[in-house]
Amino acid sequence: MNDYDNTIILFKNEKWEAGGKQPVYKGNAEFNGKKLNCSLWIKEASGDGKLKKGTKFLSGVFDDWQPSNQSSASPSHNKLDPVGSEDIPF
């Protein structure tokens, strides 16, 4: 086990567009020594379930880790900011 086991790190997705299918946040996780990709979307409740209509919530997925397609010289890699509590809209 290493120092980063059972952790998640997320970044704002620069490819996200309102109304699109891209996740708002993307990143990676490591659980029990296994690396995973993770993606999060901000969704709004329809009112059909336990949440009141219009309540915002996070929905996410984990999938098998794959290295990023970005090269180490990519300037966009350095522009990513970690998600802070001020970035979450609720």
Protein backbone atom coordinates (compact mmCIF):
# COMPACT_ATOMS: atom_id res chain seq x y z
CA MET A 1 0.00 0.00 0.00
CA ASN A 2 1.24 3.51 -0.70
CA ASP A 3 0.42 6.98 0.67
CA TYR A 4 -2.26 7.54 -2.00
CA ASP A 5 -4.32 4.40 -1.41
CA ASN A 6 -8.07 4.97 -0.92
CA THR A 7 -7.93 8.49 -2.39
CA ILE A 8 -9.61 10.41 -5.21
CA ILE A 9 -8.38 13.50 -7.06
CA LEU A 10 -10.67 15.43 -9.43
CA PHE A 11 -10.10 18.28 -11.84
CA LYS A 12 -12.45 20.50 -13.82
CA ASN A 13 -12.91 18.98 -17.27
CA GLU A 14 -11.80 21.53 -19.88
CA LYS A 15 -13.86 19.69 -22.55
CA TRP A 16 -17.13 20.03 -20.59
CA GLU A 17 -19.93 22.00 -22.27
CA ALA A 18 -23.39 22.66 -20.84
CA GLY A 19 -25.87 20.20 -22.32
CA GLY A 20 -23.09 17.88 -23.50
CA LYS A 21 -22.25 14.36 -22.36
CA GLN A 22 -18.75 15.09 -21.02
CA PRO A 23 -18.40 14.90 -17.22
CA VAL A 24 -17.95 18.17 -15.32
CA TYR A 25 -15.08 16.71 -13.28
CA LYS A 26 -12.56 14.00 -14.20
CA GLY A 27 -9.71 12.46 -12.31
CA ASN A 28 -8.37 9.27 -10.86
CA ALA A 29 -8.62 7.18 -7.74
CA GLU A 30 -6.71 4.42 -6.06
CA PHE A 31 -8.52 1.85 -3.91
CA ASN A 32 -6.77 -1.12 -2.35
CA GLY A 33 -3.82 -0.59 -4.69
CA LYS A 34 -5.92 -0.52 -7.89
CA LYS A 35 -5.90 2.62 -10.06
CA LEU A 36 -9.24 3.79 -11.49
CA ASN A 37 -10.49 6.65 -13.65
CA CYS A 38 -13.40 8.60 -12.19
CA SER A 39 -15.89 11.02 -13.73
CA LEU A 40 -18.53 13.20 -12.02
CA TRP A 41 -21.55 15.01 -13.37
CA ILE A 42 -23.71 17.62 -11.64
CA LYS A 43 -27.32 16.55 -12.03
CA GLU A 44 -30.71 17.88 -10.98
CA ALA A 45 -33.38 15.72 -9.38
CA SER A 46 -36.62 15.23 -11.30
CA GLY A 47 -38.68 14.91 -8.12
CA ASP A 48 -39.64 11.27 -8.85
CA GLY A 49 -37.38 9.85 -6.11
CA LYS A 50 -36.39 10.88 -2.60
CA LEU A 51 -35.01 14.29 -3.60
CA LYS A 52 -37.16 17.36 -4.21
CA LYS A 53 -37.40 18.49 -7.82
CA GLY A 54 -34.50 20.76 -8.72
CA THR A 55 -32.17 19.51 -5.96
CA LYS A 56 -28.63 19.31 -7.35
CA PHE A 57 -26.47 16.27 -6.69
CA LEU A 58 -23.29 14.60 -7.93
CA SER A 59 -23.39 11.40 -9.98
CA GLY A 60 -20.24 9.51 -10.89
CA VAL A 61 -18.59 6.40 -12.27
CA PHE A 62 -15.32 4.55 -11.81
CA ASP A 63 -13.71 2.55 -14.60
CA ASP A 64 -10.40 0.82 -15.24
CA TRP A 65 -7.45 3.18 -15.18
CA GLN A 66 -5.86 4.14 -18.48
CA PRO A 67 -3.00 6.60 -18.87
CA SER A 68 -3.88 10.05 -20.14
CA ASN A 69 -3.45 10.69 -23.87
CA GLN A 70 -1.81 14.03 -23.11
CA SER A 71 1.93 14.32 -23.58
CA SER A 72 4.06 15.56 -20.70
CA ALA A 73 4.77 18.73 -22.68
CA SER A 74 1.09 19.62 -22.95
CA PRO A 75 0.51 23.09 -21.46
CA SER A 76 -3.17 22.30 -20.70
CA HIS A 77 -2.08 19.67 -18.15
CA ASN A 78 -0.62 22.40 -15.94
CA LYS A 79 -3.78 24.55 -16.08
CA LEU A 80 -5.98 22.05 -14.24
CA ASP A 81 -7.09 23.12 -10.77
CA PRO A 82 -8.14 20.71 -8.03
CA VAL A 83 -11.79 20.93 -7.03
CA GLY A 84 -12.35 23.07 -3.97
CA SER A 85 -15.52 23.35 -1.93
CA GLU A 86 -16.16 26.78 -3.49
CA ASP A 87 -16.50 25.07 -6.91
CA ILE A 88 -19.41 22.84 -5.88
CA PRO A 89 -22.68 24.67 -6.66
CA PHE A 90 -24.57 23.60 -3.52
